Amino acid sequence: LAVYDASGRLLGASPPARALLARLGELGDGPLALPAGLWRSIARAEPGESSEWAPAEGDLCLGCTAYPLEGGRLLLLMRDVSEKQRKARATTSAARR
């Protein structure tokens, strides 16, 4: 889990969330913003609705659900769904044969 402000800046994160962000190459010492594509994906989803996002580079795919908090903050639940996506692609590919 992570908490962001209304502009997408990280306010706090659990150790697993920090590890996921580090895998994205998005973890530094100062204020940290979500990648623009992930922020757009979250903004398009209804509160509490899950969405998936993958950066253009690499094979990481995040499953995300955002919940609004007081003061314009956002609670973001994240998990790595890369393996789920790989299995789905393999199943689709096998079905086409």
N, C-alpha and C. Protein backbone atom coordinates (compact mmCIF):
# COMPACT_ATOMS: atom_id res chain seq x y z
N LEU A 1 0.82 -1.17 0.00
CA LEU A 1 0.00 0.00 0.00
C LEU A 1 0.87 1.24 0.00
N ALA A 2 0.31 2.26 -0.59
CA ALA A 2 1.00 3.56 -0.64
C ALA A 2 -0.05 4.65 -0.55
N VAL A 3 0.37 5.80 -0.04
CA VAL A 3 -0.51 6.97 0.03
C VAL A 3 0.12 8.07 -0.80
N TYR A 4 -0.70 8.66 -1.66
CA TYR A 4 -0.26 9.74 -2.56
C TYR A 4 -1.11 10.96 -2.33
N ASP A 5 -0.56 12.14 -2.65
CA ASP A 5 -1.37 13.35 -2.62
C ASP A 5 -2.10 13.50 -3.95
N ALA A 6 -2.88 14.55 -4.07
CA ALA A 6 -3.70 14.75 -5.27
C ALA A 6 -2.89 14.95 -6.55
N SER A 7 -1.61 15.28 -6.44
CA SER A 7 -0.78 15.45 -7.63
C SER A 7 0.05 14.20 -7.94
N GLY A 8 -0.16 13.13 -7.17
CA GLY A 8 0.54 11.88 -7.45
C GLY A 8 1.89 11.75 -6.76
N ARG A 9 2.14 12.58 -5.75
CA ARG A 9 3.40 12.50 -5.01
C ARG A 9 3.26 11.54 -3.84
N LEU A 10 4.25 10.67 -3.69
CA LEU A 10 4.26 9.67 -2.63
C LEU A 10 4.38 10.33 -1.26
N LEU A 11 3.46 9.98 -0.36
CA LEU A 11 3.51 10.47 1.02
C LEU A 11 4.01 9.39 1.97
N GLY A 12 3.78 8.13 1.63
CA GLY A 12 4.22 7.02 2.45
C GLY A 12 3.91 5.71 1.75
N ALA A 13 4.68 4.67 2.08
CA ALA A 13 4.47 3.38 1.43
C ALA A 13 4.94 2.25 2.34
N SER A 14 4.26 1.12 2.23
CA SER A 14 4.67 -0.08 2.95
C SER A 14 5.94 -0.63 2.30
N PRO A 15 6.69 -1.47 3.00
CA PRO A 15 7.89 -2.06 2.38
C PRO A 15 7.60 -2.80 1.06
N PRO A 16 6.53 -3.61 0.96
CA PRO A 16 6.27 -4.25 -0.35
C PRO A 16 5.98 -3.23 -1.46
N ALA A 17 5.26 -2.15 -1.14
CA ALA A 17 4.98 -1.13 -2.15
C ALA A 17 6.27 -0.44 -2.57
N ARG A 18 7.14 -0.14 -1.61
CA ARG A 18 8.43 0.48 -1.94
C ARG A 18 9.25 -0.45 -2.84
N ALA A 19 9.17 -1.76 -2.60
CA ALA A 19 9.90 -2.71 -3.43
C ALA A 19 9.36 -2.71 -4.87
N LEU A 20 8.04 -2.66 -5.02
CA LEU A 20 7.45 -2.59 -6.37
C LEU A 20 7.87 -1.31 -7.08
N LEU A 21 7.81 -0.19 -6.37
CA LEU A 21 8.21 1.08 -6.97
C LEU A 21 9.68 1.06 -7.35
N ALA A 22 10.50 0.44 -6.53
CA ALA A 22 11.93 0.33 -6.85
C ALA A 22 12.13 -0.49 -8.12
N ARG A 23 11.32 -1.54 -8.31
CA ARG A 23 11.42 -2.35 -9.53
C ARG A 23 11.05 -1.53 -10.76
N LEU A 24 10.21 -0.53 -10.57
CA LEU A 24 9.85 0.36 -11.67
C LEU A 24 10.93 1.40 -11.91
N GLY A 25 11.90 1.47 -10.99
CA GLY A 25 12.93 2.49 -11.09
C GLY A 25 12.41 3.84 -10.65
N GLU A 26 11.37 3.85 -9.84
CA GLU A 26 10.71 5.09 -9.47
C GLU A 26 10.93 5.47 -8.01
N LEU A 27 11.90 4.88 -7.35
CA LEU A 27 12.10 5.16 -5.94
C LEU A 27 13.39 5.93 -5.76
N GLY A 28 13.28 7.10 -5.17
CA GLY A 28 14.45 7.92 -4.92
C GLY A 28 14.41 8.46 -3.51
N ASP A 29 15.21 9.47 -3.24
CA ASP A 29 15.27 10.02 -1.89
C ASP A 29 14.24 11.12 -1.65
N GLY A 30 13.93 11.90 -2.67
CA GLY A 30 13.03 13.04 -2.50
C GLY A 30 11.59 12.66 -2.76
N PRO A 31 10.73 13.69 -2.91
CA PRO A 31 9.32 13.42 -3.23
C PRO A 31 9.23 12.62 -4.52
N LEU A 32 8.40 11.63 -4.50
CA LEU A 32 8.32 10.69 -5.60
C LEU A 32 6.94 10.74 -6.24
N ALA A 33 6.87 10.92 -7.54
CA ALA A 33 5.61 10.92 -8.26
C ALA A 33 5.41 9.57 -8.94
N LEU A 34 4.15 9.18 -9.05
CA LEU A 34 3.84 7.98 -9.82
C LEU A 34 4.19 8.20 -11.28
N PRO A 35 4.55 7.15 -12.00
CA PRO A 35 4.74 7.31 -13.45
C PRO A 35 3.47 7.87 -14.08
N ALA A 36 3.62 8.74 -15.05
CA ALA A 36 2.47 9.42 -15.67
C ALA A 36 1.42 8.44 -16.19
N GLY A 37 1.86 7.38 -16.84
CA GLY A 37 0.91 6.40 -17.38
C GLY A 37 0.11 5.70 -16.30
N LEU A 38 0.76 5.39 -15.19
CA LEU A 38 0.07 4.76 -14.06
C LEU A 38 -0.93 5.74 -13.44
N TRP A 39 -0.52 6.98 -13.30
CA TRP A 39 -1.40 8.01 -12.74
C TRP A 39 -2.65 8.17 -13.62
N ARG A 40 -2.48 8.18 -14.95
CA ARG A 40 -3.62 8.29 -15.87
C ARG A 40 -4.55 7.08 -15.72
N SER A 41 -3.96 5.89 -15.61
CA SER A 41 -4.75 4.67 -15.46
C SER A 41 -5.59 4.71 -14.19
N ILE A 42 -5.00 5.17 -13.10
CA ILE A 42 -5.70 5.28 -11.83
C ILE A 42 -6.81 6.32 -11.94
N ALA A 43 -6.54 7.43 -12.58
CA ALA A 43 -7.52 8.51 -12.71
C ALA A 43 -8.74 8.07 -13.53
N ARG A 44 -8.53 7.18 -14.50
CA ARG A 44 -9.64 6.71 -15.34
C ARG A 44 -10.53 5.72 -14.60
N ALA A 45 -9.99 5.02 -13.63
CA ALA A 45 -10.76 4.00 -12.91
C ALA A 45 -11.64 4.64 -11.84
N GLU A 46 -12.78 4.04 -11.61
CA GLU A 46 -13.65 4.47 -10.51
C GLU A 46 -12.97 4.13 -9.19
N PRO A 47 -13.21 4.91 -8.13
CA PRO A 47 -12.64 4.56 -6.83
C PRO A 47 -13.02 3.14 -6.42
N GLY A 48 -12.03 2.38 -6.00
CA GLY A 48 -12.25 0.99 -5.59
C GLY A 48 -12.25 0.00 -6.73
N GLU A 49 -12.16 0.48 -7.97
CA GLU A 49 -12.14 -0.39 -9.15
C GLU A 49 -10.70 -0.75 -9.48
N SER A 50 -10.43 -2.02 -9.69
CA SER A 50 -9.06 -2.43 -9.99
C SER A 50 -8.72 -2.13 -11.45
N SER A 51 -7.45 -1.89 -11.67
CA SER A 51 -6.94 -1.68 -13.03
C SER A 51 -5.55 -2.30 -13.09
N GLU A 52 -5.08 -2.50 -14.29
CA GLU A 52 -3.73 -3.03 -14.49
C GLU A 52 -2.95 -2.05 -15.34
N TRP A 53 -1.67 -1.96 -15.05
CA TRP A 53 -0.80 -1.05 -15.78
C TRP A 53 0.58 -1.67 -15.89
N ALA A 54 1.19 -1.48 -17.05
CA ALA A 54 2.56 -1.95 -17.28
C ALA A 54 3.36 -0.83 -17.93
N PRO A 55 4.59 -0.62 -17.47
CA PRO A 55 5.43 0.39 -18.12
C PRO A 55 5.80 -0.08 -19.53
N ALA A 56 6.19 0.85 -20.35
CA ALA A 56 6.57 0.52 -21.73
C ALA A 56 7.77 -0.42 -21.76
N GLU A 57 8.67 -0.26 -20.83
CA GLU A 57 9.87 -1.10 -20.76
C GLU A 57 9.71 -2.16 -19.68
N GLY A 58 10.24 -3.35 -19.93
CA GLY A 58 10.22 -4.40 -18.92
C GLY A 58 8.98 -5.25 -18.98
N ASP A 59 8.90 -6.21 -18.05
CA ASP A 59 7.77 -7.13 -18.06
C ASP A 59 6.93 -7.06 -16.79
N LEU A 60 7.13 -6.04 -15.98
CA LEU A 60 6.35 -5.86 -14.77
C LEU A 60 4.95 -5.36 -15.12
N CYS A 61 3.94 -5.95 -14.50
CA CYS A 61 2.56 -5.49 -14.65
C CYS A 61 1.99 -5.33 -13.25
N LEU A 62 1.45 -4.15 -12.96
CA LEU A 62 0.88 -3.86 -11.65
C LEU A 62 -0.63 -3.93 -11.69
N GLY A 63 -1.20 -4.56 -10.69
CA GLY A 63 -2.62 -4.48 -10.44
C GLY A 63 -2.80 -3.40 -9.39
N CYS A 64 -3.68 -2.45 -9.62
CA CYS A 64 -3.84 -1.30 -8.71
C CYS A 64 -5.31 -1.06 -8.42
N THR A 65 -5.56 -0.67 -7.18
CA THR A 65 -6.88 -0.21 -6.77
C THR A 65 -6.67 1.02 -5.91
N ALA A 66 -7.36 2.10 -6.23
CA ALA A 66 -7.20 3.35 -5.50
C ALA A 66 -8.47 3.68 -4.72
N TYR A 67 -8.27 4.20 -3.52
CA TYR A 67 -9.36 4.63 -2.66
C TYR A 67 -9.10 6.05 -2.21
N PRO A 68 -10.08 6.94 -2.34
CA PRO A 68 -9.87 8.33 -1.90
C PRO A 68 -9.84 8.42 -0.38
N LEU A 69 -8.99 9.30 0.11
CA LEU A 69 -8.87 9.60 1.53
C LEU A 69 -9.19 11.08 1.74
N GLU A 70 -9.30 11.50 2.98
CA GLU A 70 -9.54 12.91 3.27
C GLU A 70 -8.39 13.76 2.76
N GLY A 71 -8.68 15.00 2.47
CA GLY A 71 -7.65 15.95 2.07
C GLY A 71 -7.09 15.71 0.68
N GLY A 72 -7.84 15.02 -0.16
CA GLY A 72 -7.38 14.79 -1.53
C GLY A 72 -6.32 13.71 -1.66
N ARG A 73 -6.04 13.02 -0.57
CA ARG A 73 -5.04 11.95 -0.64
C ARG A 73 -5.66 10.69 -1.22
N LEU A 74 -4.82 9.77 -1.62
CA LEU A 74 -5.25 8.55 -2.28
C LEU A 74 -4.51 7.36 -1.69
N LEU A 75 -5.25 6.35 -1.26
CA LEU A 75 -4.67 5.09 -0.81
C LEU A 75 -4.60 4.18 -2.03
N LEU A 76 -3.42 3.72 -2.35
CA LEU A 76 -3.21 2.90 -3.53
C LEU A 76 -2.74 1.51 -3.11
N LEU A 77 -3.53 0.49 -3.45
CA LEU A 77 -3.13 -0.89 -3.24
C LEU A 77 -2.52 -1.37 -4.54
N MET A 78 -1.34 -1.95 -4.45
CA MET A 78 -0.63 -2.41 -5.65
C MET A 78 -0.15 -3.84 -5.44
N ARG A 79 -0.13 -4.60 -6.53
CA ARG A 79 0.50 -5.91 -6.48
C ARG A 79 1.01 -6.27 -7.86
N ASP A 80 2.02 -7.09 -7.88
CA ASP A 80 2.62 -7.54 -9.13
C ASP A 80 1.72 -8.63 -9.72
N VAL A 81 1.16 -8.37 -10.89
CA VAL A 81 0.32 -9.35 -11.58
C VAL A 81 0.99 -9.82 -12.87
N SER A 82 2.30 -9.69 -12.95
CA SER A 82 3.04 -10.05 -14.15
C SER A 82 2.85 -11.52 -14.52
N GLU A 83 2.94 -12.41 -13.54
CA GLU A 83 2.78 -13.84 -13.80
C GLU A 83 1.39 -14.15 -14.32
N LYS A 84 0.38 -13.51 -13.75
CA LYS A 84 -1.01 -13.67 -14.21
C LYS A 84 -1.12 -13.27 -15.68
N GLN A 85 -0.48 -12.16 -16.06
CA GLN A 85 -0.53 -11.69 -17.44
C GLN A 85 0.20 -12.64 -18.38
N ARG A 86 1.35 -13.17 -17.94
CA ARG A 86 2.09 -14.13 -18.77
C ARG A 86 1.25 -15.38 -19.03
N LYS A 87 0.58 -15.88 -17.99
CA LYS A 87 -0.27 -17.07 -18.14
C LYS A 87 -1.44 -16.78 -19.08
N ALA A 88 -2.03 -15.59 -18.96
CA ALA A 88 -3.16 -15.22 -19.83
C ALA A 88 -2.72 -15.16 -21.29
N ARG A 89 -1.53 -14.59 -21.52
CA ARG A 89 -1.01 -14.52 -22.91
C ARG A 89 -0.72 -15.91 -23.44
N ALA A 90 -0.18 -16.79 -22.62
CA ALA A 90 0.12 -18.15 -23.06
C ALA A 90 -1.16 -18.91 -23.37
N THR A 91 -2.19 -18.73 -22.56
CA THR A 91 -3.47 -19.39 -22.81
C THR A 91 -4.10 -18.88 -24.10
N THR A 92 -4.05 -17.58 -24.32
CA THR A 92 -4.59 -16.99 -25.54
C THR A 92 -3.83 -17.49 -26.76
N SER A 93 -2.50 -17.53 -26.64
CA SER A 93 -1.68 -18.01 -27.75
C SER A 93 -1.97 -19.46 -28.07
N ALA A 94 -2.13 -20.30 -27.05
CA ALA A 94 -2.41 -21.73 -27.26
C ALA A 94 -3.79 -21.91 -27.88
N ALA A 95 -4.75 -21.08 -27.51
CA ALA A 95 -6.11 -21.19 -28.05
C ALA A 95 -6.15 -20.82 -29.53
N ARG A 96 -5.24 -19.98 -29.97
CA ARG A 96 -5.21 -19.56 -31.38
C ARG A 96 -4.63 -20.63 -32.30
N ARG A 97 -3.92 -21.57 -31.73
CA ARG A 97 -3.26 -22.62 -32.56
C ARG A 97 -4.22 -23.62 -33.07
